[in-house]
């Protein structure tokens, strides 16, 4: 079963355990202040960022990070078996 990890806060508790909590097929979506945590994201896990949240914060990301809009966020959540929110 695949999981989308939604990270919403820059102080998300337990973020250091993320490499052990992700499995093949999982992905990470950074939103709100979670956008600041990109350096903490394991390279082995696909990473998405809400583009409007990144723009408001003046952040940019490498090309392998996919910036998405709200509609794509909805489609992304529907493509995973589970969703976990990190606050």
N, C-alpha and C. Protein backbone atom coordinates (compact mmCIF):
# COMPACT_ATOMS: atom_id res chain seq x y z
N UNK A 1 0.84 -1.18 0.00
CA UNK A 1 0.00 0.00 0.00
C UNK A 1 0.88 1.24 0.00
N UNK A 2 0.54 2.18 -0.86
CA UNK A 2 1.34 3.39 -0.99
C UNK A 2 0.79 4.50 -0.10
N UNK A 3 1.69 5.41 0.30
CA UNK A 3 1.31 6.49 1.19
C UNK A 3 1.83 7.82 0.65
N UNK A 4 0.98 8.83 0.68
CA UNK A 4 1.38 10.21 0.40
C UNK A 4 1.58 10.89 1.75
N UNK A 5 2.78 11.37 1.98
CA UNK A 5 3.11 12.06 3.23
C UNK A 5 2.97 13.56 2.97
N UNK A 6 2.01 14.20 3.61
CA UNK A 6 1.76 15.62 3.47
C UNK A 6 2.41 16.35 4.64
N UNK A 7 3.41 17.14 4.35
CA UNK A 7 4.15 17.86 5.39
C UNK A 7 3.72 19.32 5.35
N UNK A 8 3.12 19.78 6.46
CA UNK A 8 2.48 21.10 6.50
C UNK A 8 3.21 22.13 7.36
N UNK A 9 4.12 21.71 8.21
CA UNK A 9 4.76 22.66 9.12
C UNK A 9 6.27 22.52 9.06
N UNK A 10 6.96 23.63 9.24
CA UNK A 10 8.42 23.59 9.18
C UNK A 10 9.01 22.93 10.42
N UNK A 11 8.20 22.76 11.43
CA UNK A 11 8.66 22.09 12.65
C UNK A 11 7.98 20.74 12.81
N UNK A 12 7.67 20.07 11.71
CA UNK A 12 6.97 18.79 11.76
C UNK A 12 7.72 17.82 12.67
N UNK A 13 7.04 17.36 13.69
CA UNK A 13 7.70 16.46 14.63
C UNK A 13 7.97 15.11 13.98
N UNK A 14 9.11 14.56 14.28
CA UNK A 14 9.46 13.24 13.77
C UNK A 14 9.99 13.21 12.36
N UNK A 15 10.26 14.36 11.77
CA UNK A 15 10.68 14.40 10.37
C UNK A 15 11.99 13.63 10.16
N UNK A 16 12.82 13.53 11.18
CA UNK A 16 14.07 12.79 11.06
C UNK A 16 13.82 11.30 10.82
N UNK A 17 12.65 10.81 11.23
CA UNK A 17 12.31 9.39 11.04
C UNK A 17 11.71 9.11 9.67
N UNK A 18 11.53 10.14 8.85
CA UNK A 18 10.89 9.96 7.55
C UNK A 18 11.54 8.89 6.68
N UNK A 19 12.86 8.80 6.61
CA UNK A 19 13.46 7.74 5.77
C UNK A 19 13.02 6.33 6.19
N UNK A 20 12.86 6.11 7.48
CA UNK A 20 12.45 4.80 7.95
C UNK A 20 10.95 4.56 7.79
N UNK A 21 10.18 5.64 7.65
CA UNK A 21 8.72 5.52 7.57
C UNK A 21 8.18 5.51 6.16
N UNK A 22 9.05 5.69 5.18
CA UNK A 22 8.61 5.66 3.79
C UNK A 22 8.96 4.32 3.16
N UNK A 23 8.14 3.93 2.20
CA UNK A 23 8.34 2.65 1.50
C UNK A 23 8.35 2.91 0.00
N UNK A 24 8.83 1.95 -0.77
CA UNK A 24 8.78 2.12 -2.23
C UNK A 24 7.35 2.43 -2.69
N UNK A 25 7.21 3.40 -3.56
CA UNK A 25 5.90 3.82 -4.04
C UNK A 25 5.33 5.00 -3.30
N UNK A 26 5.90 5.35 -2.14
CA UNK A 26 5.43 6.51 -1.38
C UNK A 26 5.92 7.80 -2.03
N UNK A 27 5.31 8.91 -1.64
CA UNK A 27 5.74 10.22 -2.10
C UNK A 27 5.51 11.23 -0.99
N UNK A 28 6.10 12.40 -1.14
CA UNK A 28 6.00 13.48 -0.16
C UNK A 28 5.46 14.71 -0.85
N UNK A 29 4.52 15.38 -0.20
CA UNK A 29 4.00 16.67 -0.67
C UNK A 29 4.28 17.71 0.39
N UNK A 30 5.02 18.75 0.03
CA UNK A 30 5.31 19.85 0.93
C UNK A 30 4.31 20.97 0.67
N UNK A 31 3.67 21.46 1.73
CA UNK A 31 2.69 22.54 1.62
C UNK A 31 2.85 23.47 2.82
N UNK A 32 2.31 24.66 2.70
CA UNK A 32 2.42 25.68 3.77
C UNK A 32 3.89 25.82 4.16
N UNK A 33 4.17 25.91 5.47
CA UNK A 33 5.55 26.06 5.92
C UNK A 33 6.37 24.78 5.79
N UNK A 34 5.71 23.68 5.47
CA UNK A 34 6.44 22.45 5.19
C UNK A 34 7.38 22.60 4.00
N UNK A 35 7.12 23.59 3.16
CA UNK A 35 7.99 23.85 1.99
C UNK A 35 9.44 24.09 2.38
N UNK A 36 9.65 24.58 3.60
CA UNK A 36 11.01 24.85 4.07
C UNK A 36 11.80 23.58 4.37
N UNK A 37 11.13 22.46 4.48
CA UNK A 37 11.80 21.22 4.89
C UNK A 37 12.40 20.42 3.74
N UNK A 38 12.43 20.96 2.56
CA UNK A 38 12.96 20.21 1.43
C UNK A 38 14.34 19.60 1.70
N UNK A 39 15.27 20.32 2.33
CA UNK A 39 16.59 19.71 2.58
C UNK A 39 16.53 18.44 3.43
N UNK A 40 15.46 18.23 4.18
CA UNK A 40 15.32 17.06 5.04
C UNK A 40 14.72 15.85 4.32
N UNK A 41 14.26 16.03 3.09
CA UNK A 41 13.54 14.98 2.38
C UNK A 41 14.54 13.99 1.78
N UNK A 42 14.32 12.69 2.00
CA UNK A 42 15.23 11.68 1.41
C UNK A 42 15.20 11.74 -0.12
N UNK A 43 16.36 11.61 -0.74
CA UNK A 43 16.45 11.65 -2.20
C UNK A 43 15.69 10.51 -2.86
N UNK A 44 15.49 9.42 -2.14
CA UNK A 44 14.87 8.24 -2.72
C UNK A 44 13.35 8.33 -2.83
N UNK A 45 12.75 9.39 -2.27
CA UNK A 45 11.29 9.52 -2.25
C UNK A 45 10.87 10.67 -3.18
N UNK A 46 9.96 10.42 -4.13
CA UNK A 46 9.48 11.51 -4.99
C UNK A 46 8.89 12.64 -4.14
N UNK A 47 9.20 13.86 -4.53
CA UNK A 47 8.78 15.03 -3.76
C UNK A 47 7.99 15.99 -4.64
N UNK A 48 6.85 16.44 -4.12
CA UNK A 48 5.99 17.43 -4.76
C UNK A 48 5.89 18.64 -3.83
N UNK A 49 5.68 19.81 -4.41
CA UNK A 49 5.52 21.03 -3.63
C UNK A 49 4.36 21.82 -4.22
N UNK A 50 3.49 22.35 -3.35
CA UNK A 50 2.42 23.23 -3.85
C UNK A 50 3.07 24.52 -4.34
N UNK A 51 2.91 24.79 -5.61
CA UNK A 51 3.63 25.90 -6.24
C UNK A 51 3.28 27.25 -5.63
N UNK A 52 2.02 27.48 -5.28
CA UNK A 52 1.65 28.77 -4.71
C UNK A 52 2.28 28.97 -3.33
N UNK A 53 2.43 27.90 -2.56
CA UNK A 53 3.07 28.02 -1.25
C UNK A 53 4.56 28.33 -1.39
N UNK A 54 5.21 27.69 -2.35
CA UNK A 54 6.62 27.96 -2.61
C UNK A 54 6.82 29.40 -3.10
N UNK A 55 5.93 29.85 -3.98
CA UNK A 55 6.05 31.20 -4.54
C UNK A 55 5.88 32.27 -3.46
N UNK A 56 4.92 32.09 -2.59
CA UNK A 56 4.66 33.06 -1.51
C UNK A 56 5.89 33.17 -0.60
N UNK A 57 6.59 32.07 -0.43
CA UNK A 57 7.76 32.05 0.44
C UNK A 57 9.06 32.35 -0.29
N UNK A 58 8.98 32.56 -1.60
CA UNK A 58 10.17 32.88 -2.38
C UNK A 58 11.15 31.73 -2.50
N UNK A 59 10.63 30.50 -2.49
CA UNK A 59 11.49 29.32 -2.53
C UNK A 59 11.58 28.74 -3.94
N UNK A 60 12.71 28.15 -4.25
CA UNK A 60 12.87 27.43 -5.51
C UNK A 60 13.47 26.06 -5.18
N UNK A 61 13.30 25.14 -6.12
CA UNK A 61 13.68 23.75 -5.88
C UNK A 61 14.39 23.20 -7.11
N UNK A 62 15.14 22.09 -6.94
CA UNK A 62 15.78 21.44 -8.09
C UNK A 62 14.72 20.92 -9.07
N UNK A 63 15.14 20.60 -10.27
CA UNK A 63 14.20 20.17 -11.31
C UNK A 63 13.50 18.87 -11.00
N UNK A 64 14.07 18.02 -10.15
CA UNK A 64 13.42 16.75 -9.86
C UNK A 64 12.26 16.88 -8.87
N UNK A 65 12.05 18.08 -8.32
CA UNK A 65 10.90 18.35 -7.46
C UNK A 65 9.79 18.91 -8.34
N UNK A 66 8.64 18.30 -8.25
CA UNK A 66 7.53 18.70 -9.11
C UNK A 66 6.64 19.71 -8.39
N UNK A 67 6.54 20.92 -8.95
CA UNK A 67 5.63 21.94 -8.43
C UNK A 67 4.24 21.68 -8.98
N UNK A 68 3.25 21.62 -8.09
CA UNK A 68 1.89 21.31 -8.52
C UNK A 68 0.89 22.35 -8.03
N UNK A 69 -0.25 22.40 -8.71
CA UNK A 69 -1.36 23.27 -8.35
C UNK A 69 -2.36 22.48 -7.50
N UNK A 70 -3.37 23.17 -6.97
CA UNK A 70 -4.37 22.52 -6.11
C UNK A 70 -5.08 21.35 -6.81
N UNK A 71 -5.43 21.51 -8.07
CA UNK A 71 -6.12 20.43 -8.79
C UNK A 71 -5.25 19.18 -8.89
N UNK A 72 -3.96 19.39 -9.13
CA UNK A 72 -3.03 18.27 -9.20
C UNK A 72 -2.88 17.61 -7.82
N UNK A 73 -2.99 18.42 -6.76
CA UNK A 73 -2.93 17.90 -5.39
C UNK A 73 -4.08 16.92 -5.17
N UNK A 74 -5.25 17.29 -5.60
CA UNK A 74 -6.41 16.40 -5.47
C UNK A 74 -6.16 15.09 -6.20
N UNK A 75 -5.72 15.17 -7.43
CA UNK A 75 -5.43 13.96 -8.21
C UNK A 75 -4.33 13.12 -7.57
N UNK A 76 -3.34 13.78 -7.00
CA UNK A 76 -2.25 13.08 -6.34
C UNK A 76 -2.78 12.29 -5.14
N UNK A 77 -3.61 12.89 -4.32
CA UNK A 77 -4.14 12.18 -3.15
C UNK A 77 -4.97 10.97 -3.56
N UNK A 78 -5.67 11.08 -4.67
CA UNK A 78 -6.49 9.96 -5.14
C UNK A 78 -5.66 8.81 -5.69
N UNK A 79 -4.41 9.06 -6.00
CA UNK A 79 -3.56 8.02 -6.58
C UNK A 79 -2.80 7.20 -5.53
N UNK A 80 -2.98 7.52 -4.25
CA UNK A 80 -2.33 6.79 -3.17
C UNK A 80 -3.36 6.08 -2.31
N UNK A 81 -2.95 4.96 -1.71
CA UNK A 81 -3.85 4.20 -0.84
C UNK A 81 -4.11 4.93 0.47
N UNK A 82 -3.08 5.61 1.01
CA UNK A 82 -3.17 6.28 2.31
C UNK A 82 -2.56 7.67 2.21
N UNK A 83 -2.97 8.53 3.13
CA UNK A 83 -2.36 9.84 3.29
C UNK A 83 -2.05 10.04 4.78
N UNK A 84 -0.86 10.60 5.04
CA UNK A 84 -0.46 10.92 6.40
C UNK A 84 -0.09 12.38 6.42
N UNK A 85 -0.65 13.14 7.36
CA UNK A 85 -0.32 14.57 7.52
C UNK A 85 0.66 14.74 8.65
N UNK A 86 1.75 15.44 8.36
CA UNK A 86 2.77 15.77 9.36
C UNK A 86 2.58 17.22 9.75
N UNK A 87 2.33 17.45 11.03
CA UNK A 87 2.09 18.81 11.52
C UNK A 87 3.19 19.28 12.41
